[in-house]
Protein backbone atom coordinates (compact mmCIF):
# COMPACT_ATOMS: atom_id res chain seq x y z
CA UNK A 1 79.25 -16.26 60.28
CA UNK A 2 79.19 -12.86 58.55
CA UNK A 3 82.62 -11.32 59.14
CA UNK A 4 81.84 -8.01 57.45
CA UNK A 5 80.77 -6.24 60.70
CA UNK A 6 83.85 -7.59 62.43
CA UNK A 7 86.32 -6.05 60.00
CA UNK A 8 84.39 -2.80 60.34
CA UNK A 9 84.93 -2.63 64.08
CA UNK A 10 88.51 -3.80 63.77
CA UNK A 11 89.26 -0.96 61.42
CA UNK A 12 87.44 1.65 63.46
CA UNK A 13 90.01 1.41 66.21
CA UNK A 14 93.25 1.19 64.22
CA UNK A 15 94.30 4.81 64.52
CA UNK A 16 92.94 5.13 68.04
CA UNK A 17 94.66 1.99 69.24
CA UNK A 18 97.86 2.99 67.47
CA UNK A 19 97.85 6.28 69.32
CA UNK A 20 97.14 4.54 72.62
CA UNK A 21 99.94 2.05 72.16
CA UNK A 22 102.58 4.61 71.36
CA UNK A 23 104.72 6.04 74.12
CA UNK A 24 104.74 9.52 75.45
CA UNK A 25 108.15 10.63 74.20
CA UNK A 26 111.05 10.48 76.66
CA UNK A 27 112.22 13.86 77.95
CA UNK A 28 108.81 15.38 77.19
CA UNK A 29 108.64 16.81 80.72
CA UNK A 30 112.08 18.41 80.85
CA UNK A 31 112.16 22.18 81.02
CA UNK A 32 112.06 24.17 77.76
CA UNK A 33 112.40 27.95 77.19
CA UNK A 34 109.10 29.79 76.88
CA UNK A 35 108.07 31.75 73.79
CA UNK A 36 109.09 28.82 71.58
CA UNK A 37 107.04 27.24 68.80
CA UNK A 38 107.52 23.75 67.39
CA UNK A 39 106.16 22.35 64.14
CA UNK A 40 106.43 18.61 63.68
CA UNK A 41 105.92 16.57 60.53
CA UNK A 42 105.81 12.82 61.06
CA UNK A 43 105.34 9.61 59.12
CA UNK A 44 104.36 6.34 60.81
CA UNK A 45 103.91 2.80 59.53
CA UNK A 46 102.14 0.20 61.65
CA UNK A 47 101.55 -3.46 60.82
CA UNK A 48 99.28 -5.70 62.87
CA UNK A 49 98.62 -9.39 62.26
CA UNK A 50 95.82 -9.87 64.75
CA UNK A 51 92.69 -8.18 66.00
CA UNK A 52 92.94 -4.43 66.56
CA UNK A 53 89.63 -3.94 68.36
CA UNK A 54 89.69 -5.46 71.83
CA UNK A 55 86.06 -6.56 71.50
CA UNK A 56 86.87 -9.21 68.90
CA UNK A 57 90.00 -11.33 68.62
CA UNK A 58 90.11 -12.70 65.08
CA UNK A 59 93.07 -14.78 64.02
CA UNK A 60 94.25 -13.86 60.55
CA UNK A 61 93.25 -10.20 60.55
CA UNK A 62 95.97 -8.10 58.89
CA UNK A 63 96.21 -4.33 58.75
CA UNK A 64 98.72 -1.88 57.31
CA UNK A 65 98.59 1.76 58.34
CA UNK A 66 100.56 4.53 56.64
CA UNK A 67 100.03 7.78 58.52
CA UNK A 68 101.25 11.34 58.13
CA UNK A 69 100.92 13.76 61.04
CA UNK A 70 101.09 17.54 61.39
CA UNK A 71 101.66 18.70 64.97
CA UNK A 72 102.08 22.18 66.49
CA UNK A 73 103.28 22.97 70.04
CA UNK A 74 103.53 26.32 71.81
CA UNK A 75 105.58 26.74 75.01
CA UNK A 76 104.63 29.60 77.34
CA UNK A 77 104.67 30.82 80.94
CA UNK A 78 101.70 30.05 83.21
CA UNK A 79 101.80 30.98 86.91
CA UNK A 80 105.58 31.38 86.50
CA UNK A 81 105.85 27.75 85.37
CA UNK A 82 106.67 26.35 81.93
CA UNK A 83 103.53 25.10 80.17
CA UNK A 84 102.57 24.09 76.67
CA UNK A 85 99.62 23.37 74.39
CA UNK A 86 99.69 21.02 71.43
CA UNK A 87 97.43 20.04 68.56
CA UNK A 88 97.84 17.36 65.90
CA UNK A 89 95.99 16.07 62.86
CA UNK A 90 96.70 12.71 61.15
CA UNK A 91 96.17 11.89 57.49
CA UNK A 92 96.35 8.19 56.75
CA UNK A 93 95.89 5.27 54.42
CA UNK A 94 94.58 2.06 55.96
CA UNK A 95 94.27 -1.33 54.27
CA UNK A 96 93.06 -4.58 55.79
CA UNK A 97 92.12 -8.17 55.10
CA UNK A 98 91.25 -11.44 56.82
CA UNK A 99 93.30 -14.48 55.84
CA UNK A 100 91.23 -17.25 54.25
CA UNK A 101 88.46 -14.91 53.08
CA UNK A 102 87.95 -12.51 50.19
CA UNK A 103 87.36 -9.62 52.61
CA UNK A 104 89.75 -6.75 51.85
CA UNK A 105 89.52 -2.99 51.92
CA UNK A 106 91.41 0.28 51.82
CA UNK A 107 90.66 3.88 52.70
CA UNK A 108 92.45 7.23 52.81
CA UNK A 109 91.52 10.37 54.76
CA UNK A 110 91.86 12.22 58.04
CA UNK A 111 92.00 10.53 61.43
CA UNK A 112 90.90 11.79 64.82
CA UNK A 113 92.60 15.00 65.91
CA UNK A 114 94.35 15.28 69.27
CA UNK A 115 94.84 18.24 71.65
CA UNK A 116 96.98 18.48 74.78
CA UNK A 117 97.78 20.91 77.59
CA UNK A 118 100.57 20.40 80.13
CA UNK A 119 102.52 22.13 82.89
CA UNK A 120 105.64 21.46 84.93
CA UNK A 121 104.82 21.63 88.63
CA UNK A 122 108.43 21.22 89.74
CA UNK A 123 111.76 21.79 88.02
CA UNK A 124 110.23 23.95 85.33
CA UNK A 125 110.48 27.69 86.04
CA UNK A 126 109.47 29.83 83.08
CA UNK A 127 112.78 30.86 81.45
CA UNK A 128 113.58 32.86 78.35
CA UNK A 129 115.97 31.25 75.83
CA UNK A 130 118.79 33.43 77.18
CA UNK A 131 118.07 32.38 80.78
CA UNK A 132 117.64 28.75 79.76
CA UNK A 133 121.11 28.66 78.18
CA UNK A 134 122.66 28.96 81.68
CA UNK A 135 120.12 26.76 83.51
CA UNK A 136 120.92 23.35 85.03
CA UNK A 137 118.58 20.42 84.42
CA UNK A 138 116.88 19.18 87.59
CA UNK A 139 114.23 16.64 88.45
CA UNK A 140 110.88 17.77 87.05
CA UNK A 141 107.30 16.76 87.79
CA UNK A 142 104.55 17.42 85.28
CA UNK A 143 100.87 16.99 84.55
CA UNK A 144 99.08 16.87 81.21
CA UNK A 145 95.67 16.21 79.72
CA UNK A 146 95.28 14.96 76.15
CA UNK A 147 91.97 14.83 74.31
CA UNK A 148 91.22 12.91 71.12
CA UNK A 149 88.21 14.28 69.24
CA UNK A 150 86.04 12.18 66.86
CA UNK A 151 86.88 14.34 63.83
CA UNK A 152 88.19 11.51 61.64
CA UNK A 153 86.56 9.83 58.68
CA UNK A 154 83.77 7.56 59.94
CA UNK A 155 80.89 5.76 58.24
CA UNK A 156 79.44 2.68 60.01
CA UNK A 157 78.32 1.32 56.64
CA UNK A 158 81.84 1.15 55.25
CA UNK A 159 84.40 -1.60 55.73
CA UNK A 160 87.26 0.64 56.84
CA UNK A 161 87.21 3.86 58.83
CA UNK A 162 89.92 6.17 60.12
CA UNK A 163 87.90 7.68 62.97
CA UNK A 164 86.76 6.07 66.23
CA UNK A 165 83.43 7.97 66.59
CA UNK A 166 84.07 8.63 70.29
CA UNK A 167 86.04 10.97 72.51
CA UNK A 168 88.95 9.88 74.67
CA UNK A 169 90.82 11.68 77.45
CA UNK A 170 94.27 10.88 78.81
CA UNK A 171 95.38 12.50 82.08
CA UNK A 172 99.07 11.86 82.76
CA UNK A 173 101.45 12.32 85.69
CA UNK A 174 105.18 12.38 84.93
CA UNK A 175 108.54 12.45 86.69
CA UNK A 176 111.77 13.15 84.78
CA UNK A 177 115.14 12.77 86.53
CA UNK A 178 118.55 13.51 84.95
CA UNK A 179 121.52 11.75 86.55
CA UNK A 180 125.06 10.49 86.03
CA UNK A 181 128.21 12.26 84.83
CA UNK A 182 127.27 15.56 83.18
CA UNK A 183 123.64 14.45 83.60
CA UNK A 184 123.85 12.52 80.35
CA UNK A 185 121.32 9.96 81.60
CA UNK A 186 117.62 10.75 82.04
CA UNK A 187 115.01 8.47 83.59
CA UNK A 188 111.35 9.20 82.86
CA UNK A 189 108.34 7.50 84.37
CA UNK A 190 104.74 8.25 83.38
CA UNK A 191 101.38 7.09 84.74
CA UNK A 192 98.36 7.68 82.53
CA UNK A 193 94.79 6.56 81.95
CA UNK A 194 92.70 6.51 78.78
CA UNK A 195 89.05 7.39 79.45
CA UNK A 196 86.49 6.82 76.70
CA UNK A 197 83.02 8.03 75.86
CA UNK A 198 80.56 5.58 74.29
CA UNK A 199 80.48 4.81 70.58
CA UNK A 200 76.73 4.76 69.92
CA UNK A 201 77.00 3.63 66.28
CA UNK A 202 79.32 0.68 66.80
CA UNK A 203 78.84 -1.81 63.94
CA UNK A 204 76.08 0.46 62.72
CA UNK A 205 73.54 0.26 65.54
CA UNK A 206 75.17 -1.02 68.74
CA UNK A 207 76.74 0.79 71.69
CA UNK A 208 80.39 0.18 72.55
CA UNK A 209 81.39 1.07 76.11
CA UNK A 210 84.96 0.72 77.34
CA UNK A 211 86.36 0.97 80.83
CA UNK A 212 89.50 2.97 81.56
CA UNK A 213 92.74 1.65 80.07
CA UNK A 214 95.51 2.22 82.63
CA UNK A 215 99.13 2.62 81.59
CA UNK A 216 102.62 2.85 83.08
CA UNK A 217 105.71 3.89 81.12
CA UNK A 218 109.43 3.83 81.77
CA UNK A 219 112.11 5.48 79.62
CA UNK A 220 115.88 5.52 80.03
CA UNK A 221 117.83 7.79 77.70
CA UNK A 222 121.47 8.71 77.20
CA UNK A 223 123.06 11.76 75.57
CA UNK A 224 125.85 10.61 73.28
CA UNK A 225 127.05 14.11 72.35
CA UNK A 226 125.73 17.63 71.76
CA UNK A 227 123.57 16.53 68.82
CA UNK A 228 122.46 12.92 69.51
CA UNK A 229 120.60 11.10 72.27
CA UNK A 230 118.88 7.71 72.33
CA UNK A 231 116.39 5.91 74.57
CA UNK A 232 114.92 2.54 75.50
CA UNK A 233 111.16 2.72 76.06
CA UNK A 234 108.59 0.47 77.76
CA UNK A 235 104.84 0.71 78.24
CA UNK A 236 102.50 -1.59 80.18
CA UNK A 237 98.72 -1.13 79.88
CA UNK A 238 95.90 -3.10 81.47
CA UNK A 239 92.11 -3.27 81.99
CA UNK A 240 90.10 -1.46 79.30
CA UNK A 241 87.50 -4.22 79.00
CA UNK A 242 84.37 -3.50 76.98
CA UNK A 243 80.64 -4.09 76.73
CA UNK A 244 78.66 -4.10 73.47
CA UNK A 245 75.00 -3.11 73.90
CA UNK A 246 75.22 -4.14 77.54
CA UNK A 247 76.87 -7.52 76.92
CA UNK A 248 80.17 -7.92 78.79
CA UNK A 249 82.89 -9.01 76.36
CA UNK A 250 85.12 -10.37 79.16
CA UNK A 251 88.20 -8.94 77.45
CA UNK A 252 90.45 -7.00 79.85
CA UNK A 253 93.68 -6.05 78.12
CA UNK A 254 97.25 -6.74 79.14
CA UNK A 255 99.79 -5.20 76.78
CA UNK A 256 103.53 -4.69 77.05
CA UNK A 257 105.25 -2.57 74.39
CA UNK A 258 108.99 -2.27 73.87
CA UNK A 259 110.57 0.48 71.82
CA UNK A 260 113.59 2.61 71.11
CA UNK A 261 114.15 6.18 69.94
CA UNK A 262 117.04 8.09 68.38
CA UNK A 263 117.05 11.91 68.21
CA UNK A 264 119.50 13.83 66.03
CA UNK A 265 119.61 17.64 66.34
CA UNK A 266 122.13 19.20 63.92
CA UNK A 267 121.31 22.66 65.32
CA UNK A 268 118.94 24.42 67.72
CA UNK A 269 116.19 24.80 65.12
CA UNK A 270 116.04 21.38 63.50
CA UNK A 271 115.83 17.82 64.78
CA UNK A 272 115.07 14.35 63.41
CA UNK A 273 113.56 11.51 65.44
CA UNK A 274 113.50 7.79 64.59
CA UNK A 275 111.25 5.50 66.64
CA UNK A 276 110.50 1.78 66.66
CA UNK A 277 107.92 -0.09 68.78
CA UNK A 278 106.73 -3.68 69.06
CA UNK A 279 104.11 -5.40 71.20
CA UNK A 280 105.88 -8.09 73.23
CA UNK A 281 102.69 -9.02 75.09
CA UNK A 282 99.21 -8.41 73.66
CA UNK A 283 96.34 -10.08 75.49
CA UNK A 284 93.07 -8.79 73.97
CA UNK A 285 95.13 -6.03 72.35
CA UNK A 286 96.94 -5.40 69.09
CA UNK A 287 100.00 -7.39 68.06
CA UNK A 288 101.56 -4.39 66.41
CA UNK A 289 104.96 -3.51 65.00
CA UNK A 290 105.67 -0.01 63.78
CA UNK A 291 108.16 2.76 63.19
CA UNK A 292 107.93 6.55 63.04
CA UNK A 293 110.13 9.23 61.49
CA UNK A 294 109.72 12.84 62.67
CA UNK A 295 111.09 16.20 61.62
CA UNK A 296 110.82 19.13 64.05
CA UNK A 297 111.37 22.81 63.29
CA UNK A 298 111.64 25.22 66.23
CA UNK A 299 111.35 29.00 66.19
CA UNK A 300 110.50 31.83 68.58
CA UNK A 301 111.68 34.85 70.51
CA UNK A 302 115.47 35.09 70.83
CA UNK A 303 115.86 31.68 69.19
CA UNK A 304 119.25 31.39 67.49
């Protein structure tokens, strides 16, 4: 059996699957003052020791992803509610091999870019930084739509690629509830769905079609002091089965990811985030382990 096409399609989905498996950050849907800008620089490392692409489960496949990310977010008022837009671009190095064969490869370049728009429907009045300083956190409800564009490096004739050669869309509904003494605890729950367009050059000449991948997330976080908070994160995703050129692959996914996050903010302009995630259950999905380090710089009107 020629395994060259298989490693191609495994590699095609590494960045995309990595993005899908990662959590929406806890406290994402809490209110934030408008007129604020945020620049984020991130580094992520992901290791997987099994198939990445859900269409093929190949024991012995190993991948290592080193990814840098540049992300920009703008918070603003829309219909008197707090809203934001976000865009990100990854730059990555990906290496892979299959145990027991001489098939190896490595590539470096840009991955698929991602764009998001969101709004708080409840608990998020548009407040200036001065108004926000005296505001009390309340339960918030939010909606967002994220789009991943096929802008990443992609060549169906190469072993490894950093792009997925298809669009994906993720609508998300979120509830964030602070509670406990001084509202130090926050519980977040998110429901989202990944919707995919077809990849018409899958393995060079075939058509990959994937059904919606549904996801549920739960996050519980605690504020230790004025500068540090930490969270425990969970994500369960299911369905997402595929067909290749009309042939049903009979591969619905069932994935359960556990993670944790620590955020340190020495002042109002700078913060550092440390994340860890591991797949505890991975039926027809990636058995991944990874960590991320982020630096955020915030600036804007009246920001001190």
